[in-house]
């Protein structure tokens, strides 16, 4: 052997997440998150790796894309993203209420679709 092995996969998921075993927020693999501003120098190493992905990104990233880019288990990334959302480093875009179609219009479309079948 030439020295200690520095394989990132040797670190257990519960160590990467600081002992957390589940995501605190409603964070799914298809959830899109956006980086907020703020210092990242006090974050744990894996959280800093997540935040570095947003350095060159224009817009948001899906949790699944973050997991793939970092080559980490999706469940671990969900917990990391959840923690970063709780600390204010990441945020999730919310659809504007005004952009929602009228309920009566949706009912009319549904009736039209049912009449076609």
N, C-alpha and C. Protein backbone atom coordinates (compact mmCIF):
# COMPACT_ATOMS: atom_id res chain seq x y z
N UNK A 1 0.84 -1.19 0.00
CA UNK A 1 0.00 0.00 0.00
C UNK A 1 0.87 1.24 0.00
N UNK A 2 0.42 2.24 -0.70
CA UNK A 2 1.19 3.48 -0.79
C UNK A 2 0.71 4.53 0.19
N UNK A 3 -0.41 4.35 0.82
CA UNK A 3 -0.94 5.32 1.77
C UNK A 3 -2.41 5.08 2.03
N UNK A 4 -3.02 5.94 2.84
CA UNK A 4 -4.44 5.75 3.14
C UNK A 4 -5.30 5.97 1.90
N UNK A 5 -6.33 5.19 1.82
CA UNK A 5 -7.24 5.29 0.69
C UNK A 5 -8.12 6.53 0.84
N UNK A 6 -8.25 7.32 -0.21
CA UNK A 6 -9.02 8.55 -0.17
C UNK A 6 -10.26 8.44 -1.06
N UNK A 7 -10.91 7.31 -1.01
CA UNK A 7 -12.11 7.07 -1.80
C UNK A 7 -13.30 7.73 -1.12
N UNK A 8 -14.00 8.69 -1.78
CA UNK A 8 -15.13 9.34 -1.12
C UNK A 8 -16.27 8.38 -0.81
N UNK A 9 -16.33 7.25 -1.49
CA UNK A 9 -17.40 6.29 -1.23
C UNK A 9 -17.18 5.55 0.09
N UNK A 10 -16.02 5.70 0.68
CA UNK A 10 -15.73 5.02 1.94
C UNK A 10 -16.42 5.73 3.12
N UNK A 11 -16.89 6.94 2.90
CA UNK A 11 -17.57 7.69 3.95
C UNK A 11 -19.03 7.24 3.99
N UNK A 12 -19.50 6.84 5.15
CA UNK A 12 -20.88 6.38 5.30
C UNK A 12 -21.86 7.52 5.13
N UNK A 13 -23.04 7.24 4.57
CA UNK A 13 -24.04 8.30 4.37
C UNK A 13 -24.41 9.06 5.64
N UNK A 14 -24.52 8.37 6.78
CA UNK A 14 -24.91 9.08 8.00
C UNK A 14 -23.83 10.04 8.47
N UNK A 15 -22.59 9.80 8.07
CA UNK A 15 -21.51 10.75 8.39
C UNK A 15 -21.63 11.96 7.48
N UNK A 16 -21.94 11.72 6.21
CA UNK A 16 -22.09 12.82 5.26
C UNK A 16 -23.24 13.75 5.64
N UNK A 17 -24.27 13.21 6.25
CA UNK A 17 -25.46 14.01 6.58
C UNK A 17 -25.45 14.51 8.02
N UNK A 18 -24.36 14.30 8.73
CA UNK A 18 -24.28 14.75 10.11
C UNK A 18 -25.19 13.98 11.05
N UNK A 19 -25.49 12.73 10.71
CA UNK A 19 -26.33 11.89 11.55
C UNK A 19 -27.81 11.95 11.23
N UNK A 20 -28.20 12.81 10.31
CA UNK A 20 -29.62 12.86 9.92
C UNK A 20 -29.95 11.64 9.09
N UNK A 21 -31.14 11.09 9.29
CA UNK A 21 -31.52 9.89 8.55
C UNK A 21 -32.68 10.12 7.59
N UNK A 22 -33.28 11.30 7.63
CA UNK A 22 -34.35 11.60 6.68
C UNK A 22 -34.37 13.09 6.38
N UNK A 23 -34.91 13.42 5.21
CA UNK A 23 -35.02 14.82 4.81
C UNK A 23 -36.09 15.50 5.65
N UNK A 24 -35.80 16.71 6.12
CA UNK A 24 -36.76 17.44 6.94
C UNK A 24 -37.80 18.18 6.10
N UNK A 25 -37.45 18.57 4.93
CA UNK A 25 -38.40 19.28 4.05
C UNK A 25 -38.95 18.28 3.03
N UNK A 26 -39.95 18.72 2.30
CA UNK A 26 -40.52 17.86 1.26
C UNK A 26 -39.62 17.96 0.03
N UNK A 27 -38.51 17.24 0.07
CA UNK A 27 -37.53 17.27 -1.00
C UNK A 27 -37.58 15.92 -1.70
N UNK A 28 -37.96 15.96 -2.98
CA UNK A 28 -38.02 14.73 -3.79
C UNK A 28 -36.92 14.78 -4.84
N UNK A 29 -36.71 13.69 -5.53
CA UNK A 29 -35.67 13.64 -6.55
C UNK A 29 -35.94 14.63 -7.69
N UNK A 30 -37.20 14.88 -7.99
CA UNK A 30 -37.52 15.79 -9.09
C UNK A 30 -37.62 17.25 -8.63
N UNK A 31 -37.43 17.50 -7.34
CA UNK A 31 -37.48 18.87 -6.83
C UNK A 31 -36.35 19.69 -7.43
N UNK A 32 -36.67 20.90 -7.84
CA UNK A 32 -35.68 21.81 -8.39
C UNK A 32 -35.33 22.81 -7.30
N UNK A 33 -34.03 23.04 -7.12
CA UNK A 33 -33.57 23.98 -6.11
C UNK A 33 -32.67 25.02 -6.76
N UNK A 34 -32.64 26.19 -6.14
CA UNK A 34 -31.84 27.32 -6.62
C UNK A 34 -30.96 27.78 -5.47
N UNK A 35 -29.73 28.16 -5.79
CA UNK A 35 -28.81 28.63 -4.75
C UNK A 35 -29.17 30.05 -4.34
N UNK A 36 -29.18 30.28 -3.04
CA UNK A 36 -29.35 31.62 -2.49
C UNK A 36 -27.96 32.16 -2.17
N UNK A 37 -27.87 33.42 -1.89
CA UNK A 37 -26.57 33.99 -1.56
C UNK A 37 -26.27 33.77 -0.09
N UNK A 38 -25.02 33.78 0.21
CA UNK A 38 -24.60 33.60 1.59
C UNK A 38 -23.26 32.91 1.67
N UNK A 39 -22.59 33.02 2.81
CA UNK A 39 -21.28 32.39 2.96
C UNK A 39 -21.41 30.87 3.02
N UNK A 40 -20.48 30.19 2.39
CA UNK A 40 -20.49 28.73 2.40
C UNK A 40 -19.25 28.15 3.06
N UNK A 41 -18.37 29.00 3.57
CA UNK A 41 -17.11 28.50 4.12
C UNK A 41 -17.29 27.74 5.43
N UNK A 42 -18.40 27.91 6.11
CA UNK A 42 -18.63 27.19 7.37
C UNK A 42 -19.42 25.89 7.17
N UNK A 43 -19.80 25.61 5.94
CA UNK A 43 -20.58 24.40 5.65
C UNK A 43 -19.69 23.16 5.68
N UNK A 44 -20.28 22.00 5.96
CA UNK A 44 -19.53 20.74 5.86
C UNK A 44 -19.07 20.51 4.42
N UNK A 45 -18.06 19.65 4.22
CA UNK A 45 -17.49 19.44 2.88
C UNK A 45 -18.51 19.05 1.81
N UNK A 46 -19.41 18.12 2.10
CA UNK A 46 -20.36 17.70 1.09
C UNK A 46 -21.36 18.81 0.76
N UNK A 47 -21.73 19.60 1.73
CA UNK A 47 -22.63 20.73 1.47
C UNK A 47 -21.93 21.76 0.59
N UNK A 48 -20.64 21.97 0.81
CA UNK A 48 -19.89 22.89 -0.06
C UNK A 48 -19.81 22.34 -1.48
N UNK A 49 -19.69 21.02 -1.62
CA UNK A 49 -19.67 20.40 -2.96
C UNK A 49 -21.00 20.65 -3.67
N UNK A 50 -22.10 20.53 -2.94
CA UNK A 50 -23.41 20.81 -3.53
C UNK A 50 -23.47 22.26 -3.99
N UNK A 51 -23.04 23.17 -3.15
CA UNK A 51 -23.11 24.59 -3.48
C UNK A 51 -22.21 24.96 -4.66
N UNK A 52 -21.07 24.27 -4.82
CA UNK A 52 -20.17 24.54 -5.95
C UNK A 52 -20.82 24.22 -7.28
N UNK A 53 -21.77 23.28 -7.30
CA UNK A 53 -22.46 22.95 -8.54
C UNK A 53 -23.24 24.14 -9.09
N UNK A 54 -23.66 25.03 -8.21
CA UNK A 54 -24.45 26.18 -8.63
C UNK A 54 -23.59 27.34 -9.10
N UNK A 55 -22.27 27.24 -8.95
CA UNK A 55 -21.38 28.35 -9.30
C UNK A 55 -21.51 28.71 -10.78
N UNK A 56 -21.57 27.73 -11.66
CA UNK A 56 -21.66 28.00 -13.09
C UNK A 56 -23.04 27.76 -13.65
N UNK A 57 -23.98 27.42 -12.81
CA UNK A 57 -25.33 27.07 -13.29
C UNK A 57 -26.16 28.33 -13.51
N UNK A 58 -26.92 28.30 -14.56
CA UNK A 58 -27.88 29.36 -14.84
C UNK A 58 -29.26 28.81 -14.50
N UNK A 59 -29.73 29.08 -13.31
CA UNK A 59 -31.03 28.57 -12.89
C UNK A 59 -30.87 27.47 -11.85
N UNK A 60 -31.87 26.61 -11.79
CA UNK A 60 -31.91 25.59 -10.76
C UNK A 60 -31.43 24.24 -11.24
N UNK A 61 -31.27 23.36 -10.27
CA UNK A 61 -30.88 21.98 -10.53
C UNK A 61 -31.84 21.05 -9.80
N UNK A 62 -32.14 19.93 -10.42
CA UNK A 62 -32.96 18.92 -9.76
C UNK A 62 -32.10 18.14 -8.78
N UNK A 63 -32.70 17.65 -7.73
CA UNK A 63 -31.98 16.88 -6.72
C UNK A 63 -31.33 15.65 -7.36
N UNK A 64 -32.01 15.02 -8.30
CA UNK A 64 -31.45 13.86 -9.00
C UNK A 64 -30.19 14.24 -9.78
N UNK A 65 -30.18 15.44 -10.39
CA UNK A 65 -29.00 15.90 -11.12
C UNK A 65 -27.83 16.15 -10.17
N UNK A 66 -28.12 16.68 -9.00
CA UNK A 66 -27.08 16.93 -8.00
C UNK A 66 -26.47 15.60 -7.56
N UNK A 67 -27.33 14.61 -7.31
CA UNK A 67 -26.86 13.29 -6.90
C UNK A 67 -25.97 12.67 -7.98
N UNK A 68 -26.38 12.80 -9.24
CA UNK A 68 -25.59 12.24 -10.33
C UNK A 68 -24.25 12.96 -10.48
N UNK A 69 -24.26 14.28 -10.37
CA UNK A 69 -23.03 15.05 -10.53
C UNK A 69 -22.02 14.75 -9.42
N UNK A 70 -22.51 14.54 -8.21
CA UNK A 70 -21.63 14.29 -7.08
C UNK A 70 -21.35 12.80 -6.87
N UNK A 71 -22.04 11.96 -7.62
CA UNK A 71 -21.91 10.51 -7.50
C UNK A 71 -22.15 10.06 -6.05
N UNK A 72 -23.24 10.59 -5.49
CA UNK A 72 -23.66 10.23 -4.13
C UNK A 72 -25.03 9.58 -4.20
N UNK A 73 -25.39 8.78 -3.19
CA UNK A 73 -26.73 8.18 -3.18
C UNK A 73 -27.81 9.27 -3.14
N UNK A 74 -28.88 9.11 -3.92
CA UNK A 74 -29.95 10.11 -3.93
C UNK A 74 -30.54 10.38 -2.56
N UNK A 75 -30.65 9.36 -1.73
CA UNK A 75 -31.21 9.58 -0.39
C UNK A 75 -30.32 10.49 0.44
N UNK A 76 -29.03 10.36 0.29
CA UNK A 76 -28.08 11.22 1.00
C UNK A 76 -28.19 12.65 0.50
N UNK A 77 -28.30 12.82 -0.81
CA UNK A 77 -28.40 14.16 -1.39
C UNK A 77 -29.70 14.83 -0.98
N UNK A 78 -30.78 14.07 -0.89
CA UNK A 78 -32.05 14.65 -0.42
C UNK A 78 -31.88 15.25 0.98
N UNK A 79 -31.16 14.57 1.85
CA UNK A 79 -30.94 15.07 3.20
C UNK A 79 -30.02 16.29 3.18
N UNK A 80 -28.96 16.25 2.37
CA UNK A 80 -28.07 17.40 2.26
C UNK A 80 -28.81 18.63 1.74
N UNK A 81 -29.62 18.45 0.70
CA UNK A 81 -30.38 19.56 0.12
C UNK A 81 -31.38 20.09 1.14
N UNK A 82 -32.03 19.20 1.87
CA UNK A 82 -32.98 19.62 2.89
C UNK A 82 -32.30 20.49 3.94
N UNK A 83 -31.13 20.08 4.38
CA UNK A 83 -30.39 20.86 5.37
C UNK A 83 -29.99 22.22 4.81
N UNK A 84 -29.57 22.24 3.55
CA UNK A 84 -29.19 23.51 2.93
C UNK A 84 -30.40 24.42 2.73
N UNK A 85 -31.56 23.85 2.51
CA UNK A 85 -32.78 24.66 2.42
C UNK A 85 -33.13 25.23 3.79
N UNK A 86 -32.99 24.41 4.83
CA UNK A 86 -33.28 24.88 6.19
C UNK A 86 -32.35 26.00 6.62
N UNK A 87 -31.09 25.96 6.15
CA UNK A 87 -30.13 26.99 6.53
C UNK A 87 -30.22 28.22 5.64
N UNK A 88 -31.04 28.15 4.58
CA UNK A 88 -31.22 29.29 3.70
C UNK A 88 -30.23 29.36 2.54
N UNK A 89 -29.41 28.32 2.36
CA UNK A 89 -28.45 28.31 1.26
C UNK A 89 -29.09 27.91 -0.06
N UNK A 90 -30.14 27.11 0.01
CA UNK A 90 -30.89 26.72 -1.19
C UNK A 90 -32.35 27.08 -0.99
N UNK A 91 -33.02 27.30 -2.10
CA UNK A 91 -34.45 27.58 -2.07
C UNK A 91 -35.11 26.86 -3.23
N UNK A 92 -36.39 26.66 -3.12
CA UNK A 92 -37.15 25.99 -4.17
C UNK A 92 -38.13 26.99 -4.77
N UNK A 93 -38.14 27.12 -6.09
CA UNK A 93 -39.08 28.07 -6.70
C UNK A 93 -40.52 27.63 -6.48
N UNK A 94 -41.39 28.60 -6.28
CA UNK A 94 -42.80 28.34 -6.05
C UNK A 94 -43.59 28.99 -7.17
N UNK A 95 -44.53 28.27 -7.72
CA UNK A 95 -45.37 28.82 -8.78
C UNK A 95 -46.24 29.94 -8.23
N UNK A 96 -46.39 30.97 -9.02
CA UNK A 96 -47.23 32.09 -8.60
C UNK A 96 -48.70 31.67 -8.61
N UNK A 97 -49.44 32.13 -7.64
CA UNK A 97 -50.86 31.80 -7.53
C UNK A 97 -51.62 32.33 -8.74
N UNK A 98 -51.21 33.50 -9.26
CA UNK A 98 -51.91 34.11 -10.39
C UNK A 98 -51.78 33.29 -11.67
N UNK A 99 -50.77 32.42 -11.74
CA UNK A 99 -50.56 31.62 -12.95
C UNK A 99 -51.45 30.39 -13.01
N UNK A 100 -52.21 30.13 -11.98
CA UNK A 100 -53.05 28.94 -11.93
C UNK A 100 -54.32 29.17 -12.75
N UNK A 101 -54.73 28.19 -13.55
CA UNK A 101 -55.97 28.34 -14.31
C UNK A 101 -57.19 28.32 -13.40
N UNK A 102 -58.24 28.92 -13.86
CA UNK A 102 -59.49 28.98 -13.11
C UNK A 102 -60.08 27.57 -12.97
N UNK A 103 -60.63 27.26 -11.81
CA UNK A 103 -61.19 25.94 -11.53
C UNK A 103 -62.33 25.61 -12.50
N UNK A 104 -63.18 26.59 -12.79
CA UNK A 104 -64.30 26.36 -13.71
C UNK A 104 -63.80 26.02 -15.11
N UNK A 105 -62.71 26.65 -15.53
CA UNK A 105 -62.13 26.35 -16.84
C UNK A 105 -61.63 24.92 -16.87
N UNK A 106 -60.97 24.48 -15.81
CA UNK A 106 -60.49 23.10 -15.75
C UNK A 106 -61.64 22.10 -15.79
N UNK A 107 -62.74 22.41 -15.10
CA UNK A 107 -63.91 21.54 -15.12
C UNK A 107 -64.49 21.44 -16.54
N UNK A 108 -64.51 22.56 -17.24
CA UNK A 108 -65.03 22.56 -18.61
C UNK A 108 -64.13 21.75 -19.54
N UNK A 109 -62.84 21.87 -19.39
CA UNK A 109 -61.91 21.07 -20.19
C UNK A 109 -62.10 19.59 -19.89
N UNK A 110 -62.27 19.24 -18.62
CA UNK A 110 -62.48 17.84 -18.25
C UNK A 110 -63.76 17.29 -18.87
N UNK A 111 -64.83 18.09 -18.83
CA UNK A 111 -66.08 17.65 -19.45
C UNK A 111 -65.89 17.44 -20.95
N UNK A 112 -65.17 18.35 -21.61
CA UNK A 112 -64.91 18.22 -23.04
C UNK A 112 -64.12 16.97 -23.37
N UNK A 113 -63.12 16.67 -22.54
CA UNK A 113 -62.31 15.48 -22.76
C UNK A 113 -63.13 14.20 -22.56
N UNK A 114 -63.98 14.21 -21.56
CA UNK A 114 -64.81 13.03 -21.32
C UNK A 114 -65.81 12.82 -22.45
N UNK A 115 -66.30 13.88 -23.06
CA UNK A 115 -67.25 13.74 -24.15
C UNK A 115 -66.59 13.19 -25.41
N UNK A 116 -65.28 13.34 -25.52
CA UNK A 116 -64.55 12.83 -26.69
C UNK A 116 -64.29 11.34 -26.59
N UNK A 117 -64.37 10.77 -25.40
CA UNK A 117 -64.02 9.35 -25.22
C UNK A 117 -65.18 8.46 -25.48
